[in-house]
ModelCIF file with pLDDT and N, C-alpha, C, O atoms, coordinates in Angstrom:
data_MODEL
#
_entry.id   MODEL 
#
_entity.id                         1 
_entity.type                       polymer 
_entity.pdbx_number_of_molecules   1 
#
_entity_poly.entity_id                      1 
_entity_poly.type                           'polypeptide(L)' 
_entity_poly.nstd_linkage                   no 
_entity_poly.nstd_monomer                   no 
_entity_poly.pdbx_seq_one_letter_code       GIISPTFVLARRHPNLADGPRPGGPDLVHVDAYRLTTAEDIESIDLE 
_entity_poly.pdbx_seq_one_letter_code_can   GIISPTFVLARRHPNLADGPRPGGPDLVHVDAYRLTTAEDIESIDLE 
_entity_poly.pdbx_strand_id                 A 
#
loop_
_entity_poly_seq.entity_id 
_entity_poly_seq.num 
_entity_poly_seq.mon_id 
_entity_poly_seq.hetero 
1 1  GLY n 
1 2  ILE n 
1 3  ILE n 
1 4  SER n 
1 5  PRO n 
1 6  THR n 
1 7  PHE n 
1 8  VAL n 
1 9  LEU n 
1 10 ALA n 
1 11 ARG n 
1 12 ARG n 
1 13 HIS n 
1 14 PRO n 
1 15 ASN n 
1 16 LEU n 
1 17 ALA n 
1 18 ASP n 
1 19 GLY n 
1 20 PRO n 
1 21 ARG n 
1 22 PRO n 
1 23 GLY n 
1 24 GLY n 
1 25 PRO n 
1 26 ASP n 
1 27 LEU n 
1 28 VAL n 
1 29 HIS n 
1 30 VAL n 
1 31 ASP n 
1 32 ALA n 
1 33 TYR n 
1 34 ARG n 
1 35 LEU n 
1 36 THR n 
1 37 THR n 
1 38 ALA n 
1 39 GLU n 
1 40 ASP n 
1 41 ILE n 
1 42 GLU n 
1 43 SER n 
1 44 ILE n 
1 45 ASP n 
1 46 LEU n 
1 47 GLU n 
#
_struct_asym.id          A 
_struct_asym.entity_id   1 
#
loop_
_ma_qa_metric.id 
_ma_qa_metric.mode 
_ma_qa_metric.name 
_ma_qa_metric.software_group_id 
_ma_qa_metric.type 
1 global pLDDT . pLDDT 
2 local  pLDDT . pLDDT 
#
_ma_qa_metric_global.metric_id      1 
_ma_qa_metric_global.metric_value   87.36 
_ma_qa_metric_global.model_id       1 
_ma_qa_metric_global.ordinal_id     1 
#
loop_
_ma_qa_metric_local.label_asym_id 
_ma_qa_metric_local.label_comp_id 
_ma_qa_metric_local.label_seq_id 
_ma_qa_metric_local.metric_id 
_ma_qa_metric_local.metric_value 
_ma_qa_metric_local.model_id 
_ma_qa_metric_local.ordinal_id 
A GLY 1  2 85.00 1 1  
A ILE 2  2 89.00 1 2  
A ILE 3  2 85.00 1 3  
A SER 4  2 79.00 1 4  
A PRO 5  2 68.00 1 5  
A THR 6  2 67.00 1 6  
A PHE 7  2 63.00 1 7  
A VAL 8  2 66.00 1 8  
A LEU 9  2 83.00 1 9  
A ALA 10 2 88.00 1 10 
A ARG 11 2 91.00 1 11 
A ARG 12 2 93.00 1 12 
A HIS 13 2 95.00 1 13 
A PRO 14 2 96.00 1 14 
A ASN 15 2 96.00 1 15 
A LEU 16 2 95.00 1 16 
A ALA 17 2 93.00 1 17 
A ASP 18 2 92.00 1 18 
A GLY 19 2 89.00 1 19 
A PRO 20 2 90.00 1 20 
A ARG 21 2 92.00 1 21 
A PRO 22 2 93.00 1 22 
A GLY 23 2 93.00 1 23 
A GLY 24 2 94.00 1 24 
A PRO 25 2 96.00 1 25 
A ASP 26 2 97.00 1 26 
A LEU 27 2 97.00 1 27 
A VAL 28 2 95.00 1 28 
A HIS 29 2 94.00 1 29 
A VAL 30 2 93.00 1 30 
A ASP 31 2 89.00 1 31 
A ALA 32 2 87.00 1 32 
A TYR 33 2 85.00 1 33 
A ARG 34 2 81.00 1 34 
A LEU 35 2 84.00 1 35 
A THR 36 2 83.00 1 36 
A THR 37 2 82.00 1 37 
A ALA 38 2 80.00 1 38 
A GLU 39 2 86.00 1 39 
A ASP 40 2 86.00 1 40 
A ILE 41 2 86.00 1 41 
A GLU 42 2 87.00 1 42 
A SER 43 2 88.00 1 43 
A ILE 44 2 87.00 1 44 
A ASP 45 2 88.00 1 45 
A LEU 46 2 90.00 1 46 
A GLU 47 2 90.00 1 47 
#
loop_
_atom_site.group_PDB 
_atom_site.id 
_atom_site.type_symbol 
_atom_site.label_atom_id 
_atom_site.label_alt_id 
_atom_site.label_comp_id 
_atom_site.label_asym_id 
_atom_site.label_entity_id 
_atom_site.label_seq_id 
_atom_site.pdbx_PDB_ins_code 
_atom_site.Cartn_x 
_atom_site.Cartn_y 
_atom_site.Cartn_z 
_atom_site.occupancy 
_atom_site.B_iso_or_equiv 
_atom_site.pdbx_formal_charge 
_atom_site.auth_seq_id 
_atom_site.auth_comp_id 
_atom_site.auth_asym_id 
_atom_site.auth_atom_id 
_atom_site.pdbx_PDB_model_num 
ATOM 1   N N  . GLY A 1 1  ? 94.917  92.102  109.619 1.00 85.00 ? 1  GLY A N  1 
ATOM 2   C CA . GLY A 1 1  ? 96.375  91.290  109.400 1.00 85.00 ? 1  GLY A CA 1 
ATOM 3   C C  . GLY A 1 1  ? 96.819  90.983  111.001 1.00 85.00 ? 1  GLY A C  1 
ATOM 4   O O  . GLY A 1 1  ? 98.045  91.029  111.100 1.00 85.00 ? 1  GLY A O  1 
ATOM 5   N N  . ILE A 1 2  ? 96.152  90.686  112.267 1.00 89.00 ? 2  ILE A N  1 
ATOM 6   C CA . ILE A 1 2  ? 96.481  90.670  113.511 1.00 89.00 ? 2  ILE A CA 1 
ATOM 7   C C  . ILE A 1 2  ? 96.612  89.107  113.386 1.00 89.00 ? 2  ILE A C  1 
ATOM 8   O O  . ILE A 1 2  ? 95.710  88.391  112.951 1.00 89.00 ? 2  ILE A O  1 
ATOM 9   N N  . ILE A 1 3  ? 97.865  88.653  113.828 1.00 85.00 ? 3  ILE A N  1 
ATOM 10  C CA . ILE A 1 3  ? 98.168  87.160  113.431 1.00 85.00 ? 3  ILE A CA 1 
ATOM 11  C C  . ILE A 1 3  ? 98.749  86.433  114.623 1.00 85.00 ? 3  ILE A C  1 
ATOM 12  O O  . ILE A 1 3  ? 99.520  87.124  115.288 1.00 85.00 ? 3  ILE A O  1 
ATOM 13  N N  . SER A 1 4  ? 98.597  85.465  114.951 1.00 79.00 ? 4  SER A N  1 
ATOM 14  C CA . SER A 1 4  ? 99.518  84.987  116.109 1.00 79.00 ? 4  SER A CA 1 
ATOM 15  C C  . SER A 1 4  ? 100.900 85.413  116.228 1.00 79.00 ? 4  SER A C  1 
ATOM 16  O O  . SER A 1 4  ? 101.654 84.892  115.406 1.00 79.00 ? 4  SER A O  1 
ATOM 17  N N  . PRO A 1 5  ? 101.366 86.148  116.962 1.00 68.00 ? 5  PRO A N  1 
ATOM 18  C CA . PRO A 1 5  ? 102.735 86.710  117.085 1.00 68.00 ? 5  PRO A CA 1 
ATOM 19  C C  . PRO A 1 5  ? 103.689 85.549  117.290 1.00 68.00 ? 5  PRO A C  1 
ATOM 20  O O  . PRO A 1 5  ? 104.701 85.781  117.950 1.00 68.00 ? 5  PRO A O  1 
ATOM 21  N N  . THR A 1 6  ? 103.519 84.477  116.867 1.00 67.00 ? 6  THR A N  1 
ATOM 22  C CA . THR A 1 6  ? 104.536 83.396  117.428 1.00 67.00 ? 6  THR A CA 1 
ATOM 23  C C  . THR A 1 6  ? 106.290 83.627  116.976 1.00 67.00 ? 6  THR A C  1 
ATOM 24  O O  . THR A 1 6  ? 107.309 83.336  117.603 1.00 67.00 ? 6  THR A O  1 
ATOM 25  N N  . PHE A 1 7  ? 106.095 84.278  115.611 1.00 63.00 ? 7  PHE A N  1 
ATOM 26  C CA . PHE A 1 7  ? 107.110 84.541  115.040 1.00 63.00 ? 7  PHE A CA 1 
ATOM 27  C C  . PHE A 1 7  ? 107.648 85.883  115.181 1.00 63.00 ? 7  PHE A C  1 
ATOM 28  O O  . PHE A 1 7  ? 108.782 86.184  114.806 1.00 63.00 ? 7  PHE A O  1 
ATOM 29  N N  . VAL A 1 8  ? 106.693 86.823  115.816 1.00 66.00 ? 8  VAL A N  1 
ATOM 30  C CA . VAL A 1 8  ? 107.049 88.210  115.608 1.00 66.00 ? 8  VAL A CA 1 
ATOM 31  C C  . VAL A 1 8  ? 106.676 88.637  117.118 1.00 66.00 ? 8  VAL A C  1 
ATOM 32  O O  . VAL A 1 8  ? 105.557 88.472  117.603 1.00 66.00 ? 8  VAL A O  1 
ATOM 33  N N  . LEU A 1 9  ? 107.795 89.222  117.803 1.00 83.00 ? 9  LEU A N  1 
ATOM 34  C CA . LEU A 1 9  ? 107.547 89.533  119.210 1.00 83.00 ? 9  LEU A CA 1 
ATOM 35  C C  . LEU A 1 9  ? 106.666 90.568  119.465 1.00 83.00 ? 9  LEU A C  1 
ATOM 36  O O  . LEU A 1 9  ? 105.881 90.361  120.390 1.00 83.00 ? 9  LEU A O  1 
ATOM 37  N N  . ALA A 1 10 ? 106.567 91.910  118.736 1.00 88.00 ? 10 ALA A N  1 
ATOM 38  C CA . ALA A 1 10 ? 105.826 92.791  118.761 1.00 88.00 ? 10 ALA A CA 1 
ATOM 39  C C  . ALA A 1 10 ? 105.289 93.562  117.402 1.00 88.00 ? 10 ALA A C  1 
ATOM 40  O O  . ALA A 1 10 ? 106.065 93.828  116.484 1.00 88.00 ? 10 ALA A O  1 
ATOM 41  N N  . ARG A 1 11 ? 104.122 93.838  117.370 1.00 91.00 ? 11 ARG A N  1 
ATOM 42  C CA . ARG A 1 11 ? 103.711 94.033  116.125 1.00 91.00 ? 11 ARG A CA 1 
ATOM 43  C C  . ARG A 1 11 ? 102.655 95.371  116.105 1.00 91.00 ? 11 ARG A C  1 
ATOM 44  O O  . ARG A 1 11 ? 101.572 95.223  116.672 1.00 91.00 ? 11 ARG A O  1 
ATOM 45  N N  . ARG A 1 12 ? 102.901 96.418  115.585 1.00 93.00 ? 12 ARG A N  1 
ATOM 46  C CA . ARG A 1 12 ? 101.733 97.793  115.878 1.00 93.00 ? 12 ARG A CA 1 
ATOM 47  C C  . ARG A 1 12 ? 100.900 97.851  114.661 1.00 93.00 ? 12 ARG A C  1 
ATOM 48  O O  . ARG A 1 12 ? 101.324 97.998  113.514 1.00 93.00 ? 12 ARG A O  1 
ATOM 49  N N  . HIS A 1 13 ? 99.823  97.736  114.986 1.00 95.00 ? 13 HIS A N  1 
ATOM 50  C CA . HIS A 1 13 ? 98.446  97.859  113.923 1.00 95.00 ? 13 HIS A CA 1 
ATOM 51  C C  . HIS A 1 13 ? 97.904  99.258  114.244 1.00 95.00 ? 13 HIS A C  1 
ATOM 52  O O  . HIS A 1 13 ? 97.232  99.569  115.228 1.00 95.00 ? 13 HIS A O  1 
ATOM 53  N N  . PRO A 1 14 ? 98.373  100.157 113.098 1.00 96.00 ? 14 PRO A N  1 
ATOM 54  C CA . PRO A 1 14 ? 97.871  101.580 113.175 1.00 96.00 ? 14 PRO A CA 1 
ATOM 55  C C  . PRO A 1 14 ? 96.057  101.550 113.084 1.00 96.00 ? 14 PRO A C  1 
ATOM 56  O O  . PRO A 1 14 ? 95.348  100.644 112.646 1.00 96.00 ? 14 PRO A O  1 
ATOM 57  N N  . ASN A 1 15 ? 95.680  102.785 113.624 1.00 96.00 ? 15 ASN A N  1 
ATOM 58  C CA . ASN A 1 15 ? 94.475  102.823 113.430 1.00 96.00 ? 15 ASN A CA 1 
ATOM 59  C C  . ASN A 1 15 ? 94.101  103.411 112.284 1.00 96.00 ? 15 ASN A C  1 
ATOM 60  O O  . ASN A 1 15 ? 94.858  104.247 111.792 1.00 96.00 ? 15 ASN A O  1 
ATOM 61  N N  . LEU A 1 16 ? 92.876  103.087 111.650 1.00 95.00 ? 16 LEU A N  1 
ATOM 62  C CA . LEU A 1 16 ? 92.379  103.326 110.370 1.00 95.00 ? 16 LEU A CA 1 
ATOM 63  C C  . LEU A 1 16 ? 91.404  104.447 110.320 1.00 95.00 ? 16 LEU A C  1 
ATOM 64  O O  . LEU A 1 16 ? 90.433  104.508 111.074 1.00 95.00 ? 16 LEU A O  1 
ATOM 65  N N  . ALA A 1 17 ? 91.738  105.484 109.256 1.00 93.00 ? 17 ALA A N  1 
ATOM 66  C CA . ALA A 1 17 ? 90.995  106.824 109.559 1.00 93.00 ? 17 ALA A CA 1 
ATOM 67  C C  . ALA A 1 17 ? 89.283  106.492 109.078 1.00 93.00 ? 17 ALA A C  1 
ATOM 68  O O  . ALA A 1 17 ? 88.306  107.157 109.423 1.00 93.00 ? 17 ALA A O  1 
ATOM 69  N N  . ASP A 1 18 ? 89.286  105.471 108.338 1.00 92.00 ? 18 ASP A N  1 
ATOM 70  C CA . ASP A 1 18 ? 87.780  105.171 107.945 1.00 92.00 ? 18 ASP A CA 1 
ATOM 71  C C  . ASP A 1 18 ? 87.297  104.021 108.764 1.00 92.00 ? 18 ASP A C  1 
ATOM 72  O O  . ASP A 1 18 ? 86.337  103.418 108.283 1.00 92.00 ? 18 ASP A O  1 
ATOM 73  N N  . GLY A 1 19 ? 87.826  103.540 110.045 1.00 89.00 ? 19 GLY A N  1 
ATOM 74  C CA . GLY A 1 19 ? 87.278  102.496 110.992 1.00 89.00 ? 19 GLY A CA 1 
ATOM 75  C C  . GLY A 1 19 ? 86.335  103.000 111.811 1.00 89.00 ? 19 GLY A C  1 
ATOM 76  O O  . GLY A 1 19 ? 85.898  104.118 111.536 1.00 89.00 ? 19 GLY A O  1 
ATOM 77  N N  . PRO A 1 20 ? 85.975  102.504 112.631 1.00 90.00 ? 20 PRO A N  1 
ATOM 78  C CA . PRO A 1 20 ? 85.106  102.661 113.643 1.00 90.00 ? 20 PRO A CA 1 
ATOM 79  C C  . PRO A 1 20 ? 85.523  103.750 114.795 1.00 90.00 ? 20 PRO A C  1 
ATOM 80  O O  . PRO A 1 20 ? 84.685  104.360 115.459 1.00 90.00 ? 20 PRO A O  1 
ATOM 81  N N  . ARG A 1 21 ? 86.850  103.895 114.925 1.00 92.00 ? 21 ARG A N  1 
ATOM 82  C CA . ARG A 1 21 ? 87.167  104.756 115.832 1.00 92.00 ? 21 ARG A CA 1 
ATOM 83  C C  . ARG A 1 21 ? 88.133  105.731 115.180 1.00 92.00 ? 21 ARG A C  1 
ATOM 84  O O  . ARG A 1 21 ? 89.246  105.632 115.696 1.00 92.00 ? 21 ARG A O  1 
ATOM 85  N N  . PRO A 1 22 ? 88.068  106.698 114.155 1.00 93.00 ? 22 PRO A N  1 
ATOM 86  C CA . PRO A 1 22 ? 88.963  107.404 113.520 1.00 93.00 ? 22 PRO A CA 1 
ATOM 87  C C  . PRO A 1 22 ? 89.747  108.092 115.062 1.00 93.00 ? 22 PRO A C  1 
ATOM 88  O O  . PRO A 1 22 ? 89.209  108.346 116.140 1.00 93.00 ? 22 PRO A O  1 
ATOM 89  N N  . GLY A 1 23 ? 91.071  108.235 114.673 1.00 93.00 ? 23 GLY A N  1 
ATOM 90  C CA . GLY A 1 23 ? 91.653  109.014 115.426 1.00 93.00 ? 23 GLY A CA 1 
ATOM 91  C C  . GLY A 1 23 ? 92.052  108.297 116.896 1.00 93.00 ? 23 GLY A C  1 
ATOM 92  O O  . GLY A 1 23 ? 92.775  108.889 117.697 1.00 93.00 ? 23 GLY A O  1 
ATOM 93  N N  . GLY A 1 24 ? 91.627  107.260 117.105 1.00 94.00 ? 24 GLY A N  1 
ATOM 94  C CA . GLY A 1 24 ? 91.535  106.122 118.266 1.00 94.00 ? 24 GLY A CA 1 
ATOM 95  C C  . GLY A 1 24 ? 93.144  105.637 118.213 1.00 94.00 ? 24 GLY A C  1 
ATOM 96  O O  . GLY A 1 24 ? 93.909  105.811 117.265 1.00 94.00 ? 24 GLY A O  1 
ATOM 97  N N  . PRO A 1 25 ? 93.371  105.150 119.164 1.00 96.00 ? 25 PRO A N  1 
ATOM 98  C CA . PRO A 1 25 ? 94.798  104.484 119.633 1.00 96.00 ? 25 PRO A CA 1 
ATOM 99  C C  . PRO A 1 25 ? 95.226  103.201 118.476 1.00 96.00 ? 25 PRO A C  1 
ATOM 100 O O  . PRO A 1 25 ? 94.433  102.478 117.874 1.00 96.00 ? 25 PRO A O  1 
ATOM 101 N N  . ASP A 1 26 ? 96.476  103.194 118.409 1.00 97.00 ? 26 ASP A N  1 
ATOM 102 C CA . ASP A 1 26 ? 96.788  102.084 117.646 1.00 97.00 ? 26 ASP A CA 1 
ATOM 103 C C  . ASP A 1 26 ? 96.931  100.954 118.467 1.00 97.00 ? 26 ASP A C  1 
ATOM 104 O O  . ASP A 1 26 ? 96.693  101.111 119.665 1.00 97.00 ? 26 ASP A O  1 
ATOM 105 N N  . LEU A 1 27 ? 97.296  99.767  118.036 1.00 97.00 ? 27 LEU A N  1 
ATOM 106 C CA . LEU A 1 27 ? 97.186  98.446  118.755 1.00 97.00 ? 27 LEU A CA 1 
ATOM 107 C C  . LEU A 1 27 ? 98.461  97.843  118.808 1.00 97.00 ? 27 LEU A C  1 
ATOM 108 O O  . LEU A 1 27 ? 98.822  97.399  117.718 1.00 97.00 ? 27 LEU A O  1 
ATOM 109 N N  . VAL A 1 28 ? 99.507  97.641  120.038 1.00 95.00 ? 28 VAL A N  1 
ATOM 110 C CA . VAL A 1 28 ? 100.401 96.650  119.923 1.00 95.00 ? 28 VAL A CA 1 
ATOM 111 C C  . VAL A 1 28 ? 100.179 95.684  120.306 1.00 95.00 ? 28 VAL A C  1 
ATOM 112 O O  . VAL A 1 28 ? 99.663  95.626  121.422 1.00 95.00 ? 28 VAL A O  1 
ATOM 113 N N  . HIS A 1 29 ? 100.497 94.296  119.475 1.00 94.00 ? 29 HIS A N  1 
ATOM 114 C CA . HIS A 1 29 ? 100.385 93.261  119.675 1.00 94.00 ? 29 HIS A CA 1 
ATOM 115 C C  . HIS A 1 29 ? 101.513 92.403  120.116 1.00 94.00 ? 29 HIS A C  1 
ATOM 116 O O  . HIS A 1 29 ? 102.462 92.398  119.332 1.00 94.00 ? 29 HIS A O  1 
ATOM 117 N N  . VAL A 1 30 ? 101.660 91.554  121.362 1.00 93.00 ? 30 VAL A N  1 
ATOM 118 C CA . VAL A 1 30 ? 103.063 91.136  121.778 1.00 93.00 ? 30 VAL A CA 1 
ATOM 119 C C  . VAL A 1 30 ? 102.844 89.804  122.050 1.00 93.00 ? 30 VAL A C  1 
ATOM 120 O O  . VAL A 1 30 ? 101.721 89.368  122.305 1.00 93.00 ? 30 VAL A O  1 
ATOM 121 N N  . ASP A 1 31 ? 104.027 88.999  122.006 1.00 89.00 ? 31 ASP A N  1 
ATOM 122 C CA . ASP A 1 31 ? 104.053 87.672  122.296 1.00 89.00 ? 31 ASP A CA 1 
ATOM 123 C C  . ASP A 1 31 ? 105.196 87.694  123.355 1.00 89.00 ? 31 ASP A C  1 
ATOM 124 O O  . ASP A 1 31 ? 106.313 88.063  122.994 1.00 89.00 ? 31 ASP A O  1 
ATOM 125 N N  . ALA A 1 32 ? 104.961 87.301  124.708 1.00 87.00 ? 32 ALA A N  1 
ATOM 126 C CA . ALA A 1 32 ? 105.875 87.193  125.505 1.00 87.00 ? 32 ALA A CA 1 
ATOM 127 C C  . ALA A 1 32 ? 106.243 85.928  125.850 1.00 87.00 ? 32 ALA A C  1 
ATOM 128 O O  . ALA A 1 32 ? 107.070 85.791  126.751 1.00 87.00 ? 32 ALA A O  1 
ATOM 129 N N  . TYR A 1 33 ? 105.814 85.045  125.339 1.00 85.00 ? 33 TYR A N  1 
ATOM 130 C CA . TYR A 1 33 ? 105.979 83.555  125.748 1.00 85.00 ? 33 TYR A CA 1 
ATOM 131 C C  . TYR A 1 33 ? 107.389 83.289  125.820 1.00 85.00 ? 33 TYR A C  1 
ATOM 132 O O  . TYR A 1 33 ? 107.895 82.802  126.831 1.00 85.00 ? 33 TYR A O  1 
ATOM 133 N N  . ARG A 1 34 ? 108.234 83.671  124.499 1.00 81.00 ? 34 ARG A N  1 
ATOM 134 C CA . ARG A 1 34 ? 109.693 83.266  124.714 1.00 81.00 ? 34 ARG A CA 1 
ATOM 135 C C  . ARG A 1 34 ? 110.754 84.454  125.530 1.00 81.00 ? 34 ARG A C  1 
ATOM 136 O O  . ARG A 1 34 ? 111.985 84.471  125.518 1.00 81.00 ? 34 ARG A O  1 
ATOM 137 N N  . LEU A 1 35 ? 109.860 85.350  126.178 1.00 84.00 ? 35 LEU A N  1 
ATOM 138 C CA . LEU A 1 35 ? 110.904 86.266  126.815 1.00 84.00 ? 35 LEU A CA 1 
ATOM 139 C C  . LEU A 1 35 ? 110.928 85.843  128.270 1.00 84.00 ? 35 LEU A C  1 
ATOM 140 O O  . LEU A 1 35 ? 109.925 85.534  128.913 1.00 84.00 ? 35 LEU A O  1 
ATOM 141 N N  . THR A 1 36 ? 112.063 85.857  128.687 1.00 83.00 ? 36 THR A N  1 
ATOM 142 C CA . THR A 1 36 ? 112.288 85.294  129.952 1.00 83.00 ? 36 THR A CA 1 
ATOM 143 C C  . THR A 1 36 ? 112.897 86.046  130.967 1.00 83.00 ? 36 THR A C  1 
ATOM 144 O O  . THR A 1 36 ? 112.822 85.869  132.183 1.00 83.00 ? 36 THR A O  1 
ATOM 145 N N  . THR A 1 37 ? 113.632 87.079  130.213 1.00 82.00 ? 37 THR A N  1 
ATOM 146 C CA . THR A 1 37 ? 114.319 88.064  131.332 1.00 82.00 ? 37 THR A CA 1 
ATOM 147 C C  . THR A 1 37 ? 114.057 89.380  131.314 1.00 82.00 ? 37 THR A C  1 
ATOM 148 O O  . THR A 1 37 ? 113.374 89.724  130.350 1.00 82.00 ? 37 THR A O  1 
ATOM 149 N N  . ALA A 1 38 ? 114.413 90.344  132.156 1.00 80.00 ? 38 ALA A N  1 
ATOM 150 C CA . ALA A 1 38 ? 113.805 91.730  132.244 1.00 80.00 ? 38 ALA A CA 1 
ATOM 151 C C  . ALA A 1 38 ? 114.519 92.232  130.928 1.00 80.00 ? 38 ALA A C  1 
ATOM 152 O O  . ALA A 1 38 ? 113.900 93.049  130.246 1.00 80.00 ? 38 ALA A O  1 
ATOM 153 N N  . GLU A 1 39 ? 115.790 91.809  130.503 1.00 86.00 ? 39 GLU A N  1 
ATOM 154 C CA . GLU A 1 39 ? 116.215 92.306  129.478 1.00 86.00 ? 39 GLU A CA 1 
ATOM 155 C C  . GLU A 1 39 ? 115.862 92.194  127.935 1.00 86.00 ? 39 GLU A C  1 
ATOM 156 O O  . GLU A 1 39 ? 116.145 92.938  126.996 1.00 86.00 ? 39 GLU A O  1 
ATOM 157 N N  . ASP A 1 40 ? 115.098 90.926  128.001 1.00 86.00 ? 40 ASP A N  1 
ATOM 158 C CA . ASP A 1 40 ? 114.418 90.224  126.794 1.00 86.00 ? 40 ASP A CA 1 
ATOM 159 C C  . ASP A 1 40 ? 112.985 91.396  126.703 1.00 86.00 ? 40 ASP A C  1 
ATOM 160 O O  . ASP A 1 40 ? 112.653 91.831  125.600 1.00 86.00 ? 40 ASP A O  1 
ATOM 161 N N  . ILE A 1 41 ? 112.436 91.700  127.632 1.00 86.00 ? 41 ILE A N  1 
ATOM 162 C CA . ILE A 1 41 ? 111.425 92.716  127.852 1.00 86.00 ? 41 ILE A CA 1 
ATOM 163 C C  . ILE A 1 41 ? 111.861 93.909  127.377 1.00 86.00 ? 41 ILE A C  1 
ATOM 164 O O  . ILE A 1 41 ? 111.293 94.392  126.397 1.00 86.00 ? 41 ILE A O  1 
ATOM 165 N N  . GLU A 1 42 ? 112.723 94.444  127.868 1.00 87.00 ? 42 GLU A N  1 
ATOM 166 C CA . GLU A 1 42 ? 113.281 95.858  127.565 1.00 87.00 ? 42 GLU A CA 1 
ATOM 167 C C  . GLU A 1 42 ? 113.542 95.710  125.672 1.00 87.00 ? 42 GLU A C  1 
ATOM 168 O O  . GLU A 1 42 ? 113.069 96.527  124.881 1.00 87.00 ? 42 GLU A O  1 
ATOM 169 N N  . SER A 1 43 ? 114.113 94.886  125.391 1.00 88.00 ? 43 SER A N  1 
ATOM 170 C CA . SER A 1 43 ? 114.728 94.859  124.051 1.00 88.00 ? 43 SER A CA 1 
ATOM 171 C C  . SER A 1 43 ? 113.572 95.080  122.933 1.00 88.00 ? 43 SER A C  1 
ATOM 172 O O  . SER A 1 43 ? 113.825 95.300  121.749 1.00 88.00 ? 43 SER A O  1 
ATOM 173 N N  . ILE A 1 44 ? 112.078 94.977  123.561 1.00 87.00 ? 44 ILE A N  1 
ATOM 174 C CA . ILE A 1 44 ? 111.362 95.225  122.505 1.00 87.00 ? 44 ILE A CA 1 
ATOM 175 C C  . ILE A 1 44 ? 110.515 96.626  122.719 1.00 87.00 ? 44 ILE A C  1 
ATOM 176 O O  . ILE A 1 44 ? 109.518 97.034  122.124 1.00 87.00 ? 44 ILE A O  1 
ATOM 177 N N  . ASP A 1 45 ? 111.247 97.182  123.738 1.00 88.00 ? 45 ASP A N  1 
ATOM 178 C CA . ASP A 1 45 ? 110.822 98.635  123.745 1.00 88.00 ? 45 ASP A CA 1 
ATOM 179 C C  . ASP A 1 45 ? 109.442 99.174  123.838 1.00 88.00 ? 45 ASP A C  1 
ATOM 180 O O  . ASP A 1 45 ? 109.032 100.198 123.292 1.00 88.00 ? 45 ASP A O  1 
ATOM 181 N N  . LEU A 1 46 ? 108.705 98.277  124.675 1.00 90.00 ? 46 LEU A N  1 
ATOM 182 C CA . LEU A 1 46 ? 107.131 98.550  124.774 1.00 90.00 ? 46 LEU A CA 1 
ATOM 183 C C  . LEU A 1 46 ? 107.047 99.932  125.400 1.00 90.00 ? 46 LEU A C  1 
ATOM 184 O O  . LEU A 1 46 ? 106.083 100.594 125.016 1.00 90.00 ? 46 LEU A O  1 
ATOM 185 N N  . GLU A 1 47 ? 107.946 100.569 126.383 1.00 90.00 ? 47 GLU A N  1 
ATOM 186 C CA . GLU A 1 47 ? 107.827 101.915 127.172 1.00 90.00 ? 47 GLU A CA 1 
ATOM 187 C C  . GLU A 1 47 ? 107.715 102.929 125.697 1.00 90.00 ? 47 GLU A C  1 
ATOM 188 O O  . GLU A 1 47 ? 107.600 104.150 125.794 1.00 90.00 ? 47 GLU A O  1 
#
């Protein structure tokens, strides 16, 4: 379900237990196109 993040700034995709890397990391997919200031970046809590 990884889609173009045009309308969602950040989306987390959890690792699947039955996938090729069980126990591996999740994937966070971010669109920074509309983020222009440091406050914008901080607001999506990537840290």
